Amino acid sequence: MTGFSDVNFGALESELVITDVQWHHVGFVYDMDTLHRRLYVDGILVAEDTSAIAGVPSDDGLYIGASKDLSAGTLFSGFIDDVRIYNQALSAEEIAALAN
């Protein structure tokens, strides 16, 4: 998960490598109050950290499945379905419920 506008939000990476051809639920949560970021795959927390960025500029696009510059090697080669954006940070339980 990377960047917004000219501010480097930084990558939040997991050691998990998905090699099958099955559907997977991927959830990303950013809590603007605590600056805590969490990444879930199939309802399981796979990475988390605290970002140094307080707030996210809203004057630029949101890129899902690609980086902002669309450079080679940054495009997701698969299908993305049922994208949801919430106006609050979801709990681990809420993410797990969405994954199931």
PDB file of N, CA and C in Angstrom:
ATOM      1  N   MET A   1       0.869  -1.170   0.000  1.00  0.00           N
ATOM      2  CA  MET A   1       0.000   0.000   0.000  1.00  0.00           C
ATOM      3  C   MET A   1       0.900   1.212   0.000  1.00  0.00           C
ATOM      4  N   THR A   2       0.788   2.041  -0.989  1.00  0.00           N
ATOM      5  CA  THR A   2       1.669   3.200  -1.067  1.00  0.00           C
ATOM      6  C   THR A   2       0.904   4.471  -1.377  1.00  0.00           C
ATOM      7  N   GLY A   3       1.553   5.551  -1.130  1.00  0.00           N
ATOM      8  CA  GLY A   3       1.348   6.935  -1.345  1.00  0.00           C
ATOM      9  C   GLY A   3       0.028   7.584  -1.669  1.00  0.00           C
ATOM     10  N   PHE A   4      -0.090   8.795  -1.214  1.00  0.00           N
ATOM     11  CA  PHE A   4      -1.164   9.714  -1.551  1.00  0.00           C
ATOM     12  C   PHE A   4      -0.499  11.034  -1.913  1.00  0.00           C
ATOM     13  N   SER A   5      -0.913  11.639  -2.991  1.00  0.00           N
ATOM     14  CA  SER A   5      -0.397  12.934  -3.424  1.00  0.00           C
ATOM     15  C   SER A   5       1.128  12.909  -3.467  1.00  0.00           C
ATOM     16  N   ASP A   6       1.765  13.968  -3.037  1.00  0.00           N
ATOM     17  CA  ASP A   6       3.223  14.009  -3.026  1.00  0.00           C
ATOM     18  C   ASP A   6       3.787  13.567  -1.684  1.00  0.00           C
ATOM     19  N   VAL A   7       2.930  13.132  -0.798  1.00  0.00           N
ATOM     20  CA  VAL A   7       3.351  12.647   0.515  1.00  0.00           C
ATOM     21  C   VAL A   7       3.596  11.153   0.400  1.00  0.00           C
ATOM     22  N   ASN A   8       4.760  10.685   0.851  1.00  0.00           N
ATOM     23  CA  ASN A   8       5.065   9.260   0.786  1.00  0.00           C
ATOM     24  C   ASN A   8       4.470   8.564   1.993  1.00  0.00           C
ATOM     25  N   PHE A   9       3.378   7.869   1.767  1.00  0.00           N
ATOM     26  CA  PHE A   9       2.687   7.131   2.823  1.00  0.00           C
ATOM     27  C   PHE A   9       3.486   5.891   3.197  1.00  0.00           C
ATOM     28  N   GLY A  10       4.374   5.461   2.309  1.00  0.00           N
ATOM     29  CA  GLY A  10       5.237   4.311   2.575  1.00  0.00           C
ATOM     30  C   GLY A  10       4.525   2.992   2.357  1.00  0.00           C
ATOM     31  N   ALA A  11       5.302   1.982   2.077  1.00  0.00           N
ATOM     32  CA  ALA A  11       4.747   0.648   1.834  1.00  0.00           C
ATOM     33  C   ALA A  11       4.502  -0.061   3.156  1.00  0.00           C
ATOM     34  N   LEU A  12       3.421  -0.792   3.219  1.00  0.00           N
ATOM     35  CA  LEU A  12       3.144  -1.693   4.335  1.00  0.00           C
ATOM     36  C   LEU A  12       3.163  -3.079   3.723  1.00  0.00           C
ATOM     37  N   GLU A  13       4.205  -3.835   4.014  1.00  0.00           N
ATOM     38  CA  GLU A  13       4.426  -5.111   3.337  1.00  0.00           C
ATOM     39  C   GLU A  13       4.320  -6.279   4.299  1.00  0.00           C
ATOM     40  N   SER A  14       3.953  -7.420   3.739  1.00  0.00           N
ATOM     41  CA  SER A  14       3.831  -8.661   4.491  1.00  0.00           C
ATOM     42  C   SER A  14       4.763  -9.699   3.885  1.00  0.00           C
ATOM     43  N   GLU A  15       5.146 -10.667   4.681  1.00  0.00           N
ATOM     44  CA  GLU A  15       5.948 -11.789   4.183  1.00  0.00           C
ATOM     45  C   GLU A  15       5.079 -12.795   3.429  1.00  0.00           C
ATOM     46  N   LEU A  16       3.761 -12.662   3.550  1.00  0.00           N
ATOM     47  CA  LEU A  16       2.836 -13.598   2.914  1.00  0.00           C
ATOM     48  C   LEU A  16       2.919 -13.493   1.396  1.00  0.00           C
ATOM     49  N   VAL A  17       3.048 -14.641   0.744  1.00  0.00           N
ATOM     50  CA  VAL A  17       3.034 -14.706  -0.716  1.00  0.00           C
ATOM     51  C   VAL A  17       1.866 -15.598  -1.113  1.00  0.00           C
ATOM     52  N   ILE A  18       0.965 -15.074  -1.899  1.00  0.00           N
ATOM     53  CA  ILE A  18      -0.193 -15.843  -2.353  1.00  0.00           C
ATOM     54  C   ILE A  18       0.134 -16.405  -3.724  1.00  0.00           C
ATOM     55  N   THR A  19       0.129 -17.729  -3.829  1.00  0.00           N
ATOM     56  CA  THR A  19       0.511 -18.368  -5.091  1.00  0.00           C
ATOM     57  C   THR A  19      -0.628 -19.146  -5.736  1.00  0.00           C
ATOM     58  N   ASP A  20      -1.744 -19.291  -5.047  1.00  0.00           N
ATOM     59  CA  ASP A  20      -2.848 -20.043  -5.648  1.00  0.00           C
ATOM     60  C   ASP A  20      -3.676 -19.119  -6.542  1.00  0.00           C
ATOM     61  N   VAL A  21      -4.668 -19.675  -7.188  1.00  0.00           N
ATOM     62  CA  VAL A  21      -5.510 -18.881  -8.082  1.00  0.00           C
ATOM     63  C   VAL A  21      -6.920 -18.750  -7.505  1.00  0.00           C
ATOM     64  N   GLN A  22      -7.008 -18.680  -6.199  1.00  0.00           N
ATOM     65  CA  GLN A  22      -8.281 -18.536  -5.500  1.00  0.00           C
ATOM     66  C   GLN A  22      -8.525 -17.062  -5.163  1.00  0.00           C
ATOM     67  N   TRP A  23      -9.793 -16.731  -4.892  1.00  0.00           N
ATOM     68  CA  TRP A  23     -10.123 -15.390  -4.430  1.00  0.00           C
ATOM     69  C   TRP A  23      -9.629 -15.222  -2.997  1.00  0.00           C
ATOM     70  N   HIS A  24      -9.148 -14.039  -2.672  1.00  0.00           N
ATOM     71  CA  HIS A  24      -8.725 -13.721  -1.312  1.00  0.00           C
ATOM     72  C   HIS A  24      -9.275 -12.357  -0.929  1.00  0.00           C
ATOM     73  N   HIS A  25      -9.660 -12.235   0.322  1.00  0.00           N
ATOM     74  CA  HIS A  25     -10.102 -10.943   0.844  1.00  0.00           C
ATOM     75  C   HIS A  25      -8.874 -10.212   1.377  1.00  0.00           C
ATOM     76  N   VAL A  26      -8.666  -9.001   0.913  1.00  0.00           N
ATOM     77  CA  VAL A  26      -7.557  -8.174   1.394  1.00  0.00           C
ATOM     78  C   VAL A  26      -8.170  -6.916   2.000  1.00  0.00           C
ATOM     79  N   GLY A  27      -7.816  -6.650   3.241  1.00  0.00           N
ATOM     80  CA  GLY A  27      -8.322  -5.464   3.929  1.00  0.00           C
ATOM     81  C   GLY A  27      -7.177  -4.593   4.410  1.00  0.00           C
ATOM     82  N   PHE A  28      -7.296  -3.304   4.202  1.00  0.00           N
ATOM     83  CA  PHE A  28      -6.306  -2.347   4.689  1.00  0.00           C
ATOM     84  C   PHE A  28      -7.038  -1.341   5.556  1.00  0.00           C
ATOM     85  N   VAL A  29      -6.540  -1.118   6.760  1.00  0.00           N
ATOM     86  CA  VAL A  29      -7.156  -0.174   7.692  1.00  0.00           C
ATOM     87  C   VAL A  29      -6.126   0.879   8.077  1.00  0.00           C
ATOM     88  N   TYR A  30      -6.509   2.137   7.953  1.00  0.00           N
ATOM     89  CA  TYR A  30      -5.669   3.239   8.434  1.00  0.00           C
ATOM     90  C   TYR A  30      -6.485   4.029   9.439  1.00  0.00           C
ATOM     91  N   ASP A  31      -6.030   4.064  10.671  1.00  0.00           N
ATOM     92  CA  ASP A  31      -6.704   4.801  11.733  1.00  0.00           C
ATOM     93  C   ASP A  31      -6.037   6.170  11.848  1.00  0.00           C
ATOM     94  N   MET A  32      -6.725   7.211  11.410  1.00  0.00           N
ATOM     95  CA  MET A  32      -6.135   8.551  11.402  1.00  0.00           C
ATOM     96  C   MET A  32      -5.914   9.098  12.806  1.00  0.00           C
ATOM     97  N   ASP A  33      -6.639   8.576  13.804  1.00  0.00           N
ATOM     98  CA  ASP A  33      -6.447   9.042  15.181  1.00  0.00           C
ATOM     99  C   ASP A  33      -5.146   8.521  15.781  1.00  0.00           C
ATOM    100  N   THR A  34      -4.826   7.260  15.495  1.00  0.00           N
ATOM    101  CA  THR A  34      -3.631   6.636  16.081  1.00  0.00           C
ATOM    102  C   THR A  34      -2.480   6.517  15.087  1.00  0.00           C
ATOM    103  N   LEU A  35      -2.729   6.810  13.808  1.00  0.00           N
ATOM    104  CA  LEU A  35      -1.770   6.656  12.707  1.00  0.00           C
ATOM    105  C   LEU A  35      -1.361   5.199  12.513  1.00  0.00           C
ATOM    106  N   HIS A  36      -2.180   4.275  13.006  1.00  0.00           N
ATOM    107  CA  HIS A  36      -1.882   2.845  12.921  1.00  0.00           C
ATOM    108  C   HIS A  36      -2.439   2.284  11.613  1.00  0.00           C
ATOM    109  N   ARG A  37      -1.607   1.492  10.912  1.00  0.00           N
ATOM    110  CA  ARG A  37      -2.028   0.840   9.667  1.00  0.00           C
ATOM    111  C   ARG A  37      -2.018  -0.668   9.878  1.00  0.00           C
ATOM    112  N   ARG A  38      -3.024  -1.345   9.331  1.00  0.00           N
ATOM    113  CA  ARG A  38      -3.109  -2.799   9.448  1.00  0.00           C
ATOM    114  C   ARG A  38      -3.485  -3.389   8.089  1.00  0.00           C
ATOM    115  N   LEU A  39      -2.840  -4.495   7.746  1.00  0.00           N
ATOM    116  CA  LEU A  39      -3.114  -5.206   6.505  1.00  0.00           C
ATOM    117  C   LEU A  39      -3.586  -6.610   6.849  1.00  0.00           C
ATOM    118  N   TYR A  40      -4.719  -7.007   6.281  1.00  0.00           N
ATOM    119  CA  TYR A  40      -5.308  -8.315   6.535  1.00  0.00           C
ATOM    120  C   TYR A  40      -5.441  -9.082   5.225  1.00  0.00           C
ATOM    121  N   VAL A  41      -5.250 -10.391   5.290  1.00  0.00           N
ATOM    122  CA  VAL A  41      -5.553 -11.271   4.165  1.00  0.00           C
ATOM    123  C   VAL A  41      -6.449 -12.376   4.706  1.00  0.00           C
ATOM    124  N   ASP A  42      -7.622 -12.505   4.108  1.00  0.00           N
ATOM    125  CA  ASP A  42      -8.623 -13.487   4.531  1.00  0.00           C
ATOM    126  C   ASP A  42      -8.947 -13.363   6.017  1.00  0.00           C
ATOM    127  N   GLY A  43      -9.001 -12.128   6.511  1.00  0.00           N
ATOM    128  CA  GLY A  43      -9.378 -11.860   7.888  1.00  0.00           C
ATOM    129  C   GLY A  43      -8.266 -11.999   8.904  1.00  0.00           C
ATOM    130  N   ILE A  44      -7.065 -12.337   8.455  1.00  0.00           N
ATOM    131  CA  ILE A  44      -5.926 -12.542   9.352  1.00  0.00           C
ATOM    132  C   ILE A  44      -4.949 -11.376   9.199  1.00  0.00           C
ATOM    133  N   LEU A  45      -4.543 -10.792  10.328  1.00  0.00           N
ATOM    134  CA  LEU A  45      -3.580  -9.697  10.308  1.00  0.00           C
ATOM    135  C   LEU A  45      -2.233 -10.213   9.820  1.00  0.00           C
ATOM    136  N   VAL A  46      -1.707  -9.617   8.742  1.00  0.00           N
ATOM    137  CA  VAL A  46      -0.426 -10.061   8.185  1.00  0.00           C
ATOM    138  C   VAL A  46       0.664  -8.995   8.278  1.00  0.00           C
ATOM    139  N   ALA A  47       0.288  -7.746   8.554  1.00  0.00           N
ATOM    140  CA  ALA A  47       1.282  -6.678   8.716  1.00  0.00           C
ATOM    141  C   ALA A  47       0.623  -5.499   9.413  1.00  0.00           C
ATOM    142  N   GLU A  48       1.433  -4.774  10.188  1.00  0.00           N
ATOM    143  CA  GLU A  48       0.939  -3.555  10.821  1.00  0.00           C
ATOM    144  C   GLU A  48       2.110  -2.661  11.178  1.00  0.00           C
ATOM    145  N   ASP A  49       1.842  -1.378  11.271  1.00  0.00           N
ATOM    146  CA  ASP A  49       2.841  -0.424  11.726  1.00  0.00           C
ATOM    147  C   ASP A  49       2.157   0.884  12.081  1.00  0.00           C
ATOM    148  N   THR A  50       2.945   1.833  12.508  1.00  0.00           N
ATOM    149  CA  THR A  50       2.450   3.175  12.777  1.00  0.00           C
ATOM    150  C   THR A  50       3.118   4.109  11.785  1.00  0.00           C
ATOM    151  N   SER A  51       2.310   4.832  11.046  1.00  0.00           N
ATOM    152  CA  SER A  51       2.799   5.737  10.012  1.00  0.00           C
ATOM    153  C   SER A  51       3.254   7.052  10.628  1.00  0.00           C
ATOM    154  N   ALA A  52       4.210   7.668  10.006  1.00  0.00           N
ATOM    155  CA  ALA A  52       4.669   8.985  10.451  1.00  0.00           C
ATOM    156  C   ALA A  52       3.818  10.096   9.855  1.00  0.00           C
ATOM    157  N   ILE A  53       2.886   9.739   8.996  1.00  0.00           N
ATOM    158  CA  ILE A  53       2.062  10.726   8.311  1.00  0.00           C
ATOM    159  C   ILE A  53       0.781  10.961   9.103  1.00  0.00           C
ATOM    160  N   ALA A  54       0.548  12.187   9.515  1.00  0.00           N
ATOM    161  CA  ALA A  54      -0.691  12.536  10.209  1.00  0.00           C
ATOM    162  C   ALA A  54      -1.649  13.137   9.197  1.00  0.00           C
ATOM    163  N   GLY A  55      -2.677  12.406   8.864  1.00  0.00           N
ATOM    164  CA  GLY A  55      -3.634  12.870   7.879  1.00  0.00           C
ATOM    165  C   GLY A  55      -3.213  12.490   6.479  1.00  0.00           C
ATOM    166  N   VAL A  56      -4.164  12.443   5.607  1.00  0.00           N
ATOM    167  CA  VAL A  56      -3.911  12.044   4.229  1.00  0.00           C
ATOM    168  C   VAL A  56      -4.487  13.122   3.320  1.00  0.00           C
ATOM    169  N   PRO A  57      -3.675  13.727   2.461  1.00  0.00           N
ATOM    170  CA  PRO A  57      -4.206  14.734   1.541  1.00  0.00           C
ATOM    171  C   PRO A  57      -5.309  14.141   0.670  1.00  0.00           C
ATOM    172  N   SER A  58      -6.339  14.918   0.414  1.00  0.00           N
ATOM    173  CA  SER A  58      -7.466  14.407  -0.363  1.00  0.00           C
ATOM    174  C   SER A  58      -7.543  15.020  -1.753  1.00  0.00           C
ATOM    175  N   ASP A  59      -6.477  15.647  -2.197  1.00  0.00           N
ATOM    176  CA  ASP A  59      -6.518  16.326  -3.487  1.00  0.00           C
ATOM    177  C   ASP A  59      -5.867  15.522  -4.611  1.00  0.00           C
ATOM    178  N   ASP A  60      -5.726  14.223  -4.426  1.00  0.00           N
ATOM    179  CA  ASP A  60      -5.103  13.384  -5.442  1.00  0.00           C
ATOM    180  C   ASP A  60      -5.885  12.079  -5.543  1.00  0.00           C
ATOM    181  N   GLY A  61      -5.567  11.270  -6.527  1.00  0.00           N
ATOM    182  CA  GLY A  61      -6.279  10.029  -6.756  1.00  0.00           C
ATOM    183  C   GLY A  61      -5.915   8.930  -5.769  1.00  0.00           C
ATOM    184  N   LEU A  62      -6.754   7.924  -5.726  1.00  0.00           N
ATOM    185  CA  LEU A  62      -6.508   6.714  -4.959  1.00  0.00           C
ATOM    186  C   LEU A  62      -6.217   5.619  -5.974  1.00  0.00           C
ATOM    187  N   TYR A  63      -5.090   4.950  -5.833  1.00  0.00           N
ATOM    188  CA  TYR A  63      -4.667   3.938  -6.795  1.00  0.00           C
ATOM    189  C   TYR A  63      -4.779   2.564  -6.154  1.00  0.00           C
ATOM    190  N   ILE A  64      -5.570   1.708  -6.751  1.00  0.00           N
ATOM    191  CA  ILE A  64      -5.766   0.347  -6.258  1.00  0.00           C
ATOM    192  C   ILE A  64      -5.278  -0.593  -7.350  1.00  0.00           C
ATOM    193  N   GLY A  65      -4.281  -1.398  -7.023  1.00  0.00           N
ATOM    194  CA  GLY A  65      -3.737  -2.325  -8.003  1.00  0.00           C
ATOM    195  C   GLY A  65      -2.634  -1.743  -8.863  1.00  0.00           C
ATOM    196  N   ALA A  66      -2.169  -0.552  -8.517  1.00  0.00           N
ATOM    197  CA  ALA A  66      -1.095   0.094  -9.278  1.00  0.00           C
ATOM    198  C   ALA A  66      -0.481   1.190  -8.430  1.00  0.00           C
ATOM    199  N   SER A  67       0.722   1.589  -8.807  1.00  0.00           N
ATOM    200  CA  SER A  67       1.322   2.743  -8.146  1.00  0.00           C
ATOM    201  C   SER A  67       0.897   4.001  -8.894  1.00  0.00           C
ATOM    202  N   LYS A  68       1.145   5.135  -8.308  1.00  0.00           N
ATOM    203  CA  LYS A  68       0.729   6.406  -8.910  1.00  0.00           C
ATOM    204  C   LYS A  68       1.348   6.632 -10.281  1.00  0.00           C
ATOM    205  N   ASP A  69       2.608   6.241 -10.450  1.00  0.00           N
ATOM    206  CA  ASP A  69       3.280   6.504 -11.727  1.00  0.00           C
ATOM    207  C   ASP A  69       3.018   5.433 -12.787  1.00  0.00           C
ATOM    208  N   LEU A  70       2.316   4.365 -12.426  1.00  0.00           N
ATOM    209  CA  LEU A  70       1.964   3.285 -13.355  1.00  0.00           C
ATOM    210  C   LEU A  70       3.180   2.693 -14.047  1.00  0.00           C
ATOM    211  N   SER A  71       4.314   2.671 -13.360  1.00  0.00           N
ATOM    212  CA  SER A  71       5.537   2.150 -13.960  1.00  0.00           C
ATOM    213  C   SER A  71       5.504   0.630 -14.075  1.00  0.00           C
ATOM    214  N   ALA A  72       6.350   0.102 -14.941  1.00  0.00           N
ATOM    215  CA  ALA A  72       6.416  -1.341 -15.185  1.00  0.00           C
ATOM    216  C   ALA A  72       6.676  -2.082 -13.880  1.00  0.00           C
ATOM    217  N   GLY A  73       5.988  -3.194 -13.713  1.00  0.00           N
ATOM    218  CA  GLY A  73       6.167  -4.016 -12.530  1.00  0.00           C
ATOM    219  C   GLY A  73       5.338  -3.583 -11.339  1.00  0.00           C
ATOM    220  N   THR A  74       4.561  -2.511 -11.488  1.00  0.00           N
ATOM    221  CA  THR A  74       3.755  -2.042 -10.362  1.00  0.00           C
ATOM    222  C   THR A  74       2.268  -2.326 -10.530  1.00  0.00           C
ATOM    223  N   LEU A  75       1.889  -2.903 -11.649  1.00  0.00           N
ATOM    224  CA  LEU A  75       0.479  -3.190 -11.895  1.00  0.00           C
ATOM    225  C   LEU A  75       0.115  -4.575 -11.373  1.00  0.00           C
ATOM    226  N   PHE A  76      -1.008  -4.667 -10.669  1.00  0.00           N
ATOM    227  CA  PHE A  76      -1.502  -5.939 -10.162  1.00  0.00           C
ATOM    228  C   PHE A  76      -2.037  -6.758 -11.329  1.00  0.00           C
ATOM    229  N   SER A  77      -1.613  -8.014 -11.443  1.00  0.00           N
ATOM    230  CA  SER A  77      -2.088  -8.857 -12.548  1.00  0.00           C
ATOM    231  C   SER A  77      -3.071  -9.881 -11.997  1.00  0.00           C
ATOM    232  N   GLY A  78      -4.277  -9.457 -11.827  1.00  0.00           N
ATOM    233  CA  GLY A  78      -5.343 -10.307 -11.304  1.00  0.00           C
ATOM    234  C   GLY A  78      -6.648  -9.538 -11.383  1.00  0.00           C
ATOM    235  N   PHE A  79      -7.640 -10.011 -10.668  1.00  0.00           N
ATOM    236  CA  PHE A  79      -8.941  -9.354 -10.645  1.00  0.00           C
ATOM    237  C   PHE A  79      -9.162  -8.702  -9.286  1.00  0.00           C
ATOM    238  N   ILE A  80      -9.785  -7.541  -9.289  1.00  0.00           N
ATOM    239  CA  ILE A  80     -10.151  -6.841  -8.064  1.00  0.00           C
ATOM    240  C   ILE A  80     -11.656  -6.631  -8.113  1.00  0.00           C
ATOM    241  N   ASP A  81     -12.330  -6.997  -7.028  1.00  0.00           N
ATOM    242  CA  ASP A  81     -13.787  -6.932  -7.007  1.00  0.00           C
ATOM    243  C   ASP A  81     -14.254  -6.435  -5.642  1.00  0.00           C
ATOM    244  N   ASP A  82     -15.373  -5.769  -5.615  1.00  0.00           N
ATOM    245  CA  ASP A  82     -16.040  -5.361  -4.375  1.00  0.00           C
ATOM    246  C   ASP A  82     -15.155  -4.465  -3.510  1.00  0.00           C
ATOM    247  N   VAL A  83     -14.678  -3.382  -4.084  1.00  0.00           N
ATOM    248  CA  VAL A  83     -13.850  -2.418  -3.349  1.00  0.00           C
ATOM    249  C   VAL A  83     -14.766  -1.569  -2.465  1.00  0.00           C
ATOM    250  N   ARG A  84     -14.381  -1.427  -1.197  1.00  0.00           N
ATOM    251  CA  ARG A  84     -15.163  -0.622  -0.252  1.00  0.00           C
ATOM    252  C   ARG A  84     -14.246   0.354   0.470  1.00  0.00           C
ATOM    253  N   ILE A  85     -14.744   1.561   0.663  1.00  0.00           N
ATOM    254  CA  ILE A  85     -14.014   2.570   1.420  1.00  0.00           C
ATOM    255  C   ILE A  85     -14.950   3.070   2.514  1.00  0.00           C
ATOM    256  N   TYR A  86     -14.483   3.007   3.749  1.00  0.00           N
ATOM    257  CA  TYR A  86     -15.288   3.414   4.896  1.00  0.00           C
ATOM    258  C   TYR A  86     -14.758   4.728   5.462  1.00  0.00           C
ATOM    259  N   ASN A  87     -15.613   5.446   6.174  1.00  0.00           N
ATOM    260  CA  ASN A  87     -15.200   6.713   6.783  1.00  0.00           C
ATOM    261  C   ASN A  87     -14.778   6.537   8.241  1.00  0.00           C
ATOM    262  N   GLN A  88     -14.432   5.324   8.611  1.00  0.00           N
ATOM    263  CA  GLN A  88     -13.932   5.024   9.953  1.00  0.00           C
ATOM    264  C   GLN A  88     -13.000   3.826   9.871  1.00  0.00           C
ATOM    265  N   ALA A  89     -12.144   3.680  10.866  1.00  0.00           N
ATOM    266  CA  ALA A  89     -11.230   2.530  10.916  1.00  0.00           C
ATOM    267  C   ALA A  89     -12.002   1.313  11.415  1.00  0.00           C
ATOM    268  N   LEU A  90     -12.023   0.249  10.618  1.00  0.00           N
ATOM    269  CA  LEU A  90     -12.722  -0.972  11.024  1.00  0.00           C
ATOM    270  C   LEU A  90     -11.877  -1.757  12.021  1.00  0.00           C
ATOM    271  N   SER A  91     -12.560  -2.474  12.906  1.00  0.00           N
ATOM    272  CA  SER A  91     -11.879  -3.316  13.889  1.00  0.00           C
ATOM    273  C   SER A  91     -11.466  -4.630  13.241  1.00  0.00           C
ATOM    274  N   ALA A  92     -10.626  -5.381  13.933  1.00  0.00           N
ATOM    275  CA  ALA A  92     -10.214  -6.703  13.447  1.00  0.00           C
ATOM    276  C   ALA A  92     -11.432  -7.603  13.277  1.00  0.00           C
ATOM    277  N   GLU A  93     -12.385  -7.501  14.184  1.00  0.00           N
ATOM    278  CA  GLU A  93     -13.600  -8.317  14.104  1.00  0.00           C
ATOM    279  C   GLU A  93     -14.435  -7.954  12.881  1.00  0.00           C
ATOM    280  N   GLU A  94     -14.521  -6.668  12.570  1.00  0.00           N
ATOM    281  CA  GLU A  94     -15.280  -6.238  11.393  1.00  0.00           C
ATOM    282  C   GLU A  94     -14.604  -6.705  10.109  1.00  0.00           C
ATOM    283  N   ILE A  95     -13.287  -6.651  10.055  1.00  0.00           N
ATOM    284  CA  ILE A  95     -12.555  -7.142   8.884  1.00  0.00           C
ATOM    285  C   ILE A  95     -12.768  -8.642   8.729  1.00  0.00           C
ATOM    286  N   ALA A  96     -12.684  -9.392   9.828  1.00  0.00           N
ATOM    287  CA  ALA A  96     -12.890 -10.846   9.779  1.00  0.00           C
ATOM    288  C   ALA A  96     -14.297 -11.173   9.285  1.00  0.00           C
ATOM    289  N   ALA A  97     -15.293 -10.416   9.720  1.00  0.00           N
ATOM    290  CA  ALA A  97     -16.668 -10.648   9.270  1.00  0.00           C
ATOM    291  C   ALA A  97     -16.805 -10.393   7.773  1.00  0.00           C
ATOM    292  N   LEU A  98     -16.138  -9.372   7.261  1.00  0.00           N
ATOM    293  CA  LEU A  98     -16.177  -9.096   5.825  1.00  0.00           C
ATOM    294  C   LEU A  98     -15.485 -10.198   5.026  1.00  0.00           C
ATOM    295  N   ALA A  99     -14.437 -10.770   5.598  1.00  0.00           N
ATOM    296  CA  ALA A  99     -13.678 -11.817   4.902  1.00  0.00           C
ATOM    297  C   ALA A  99     -14.454 -13.122   4.827  1.00  0.00           C
ATOM    298  N   ASN A 100     -15.358 -13.321   5.758  1.00  0.00           N
ATOM    299  CA  ASN A 100     -16.117 -14.591   5.794  1.00  0.00           C
ATOM    300  C   ASN A 100     -17.412 -14.433   5.139  1.00  0.00           C
TER     301      ASN A 100
END
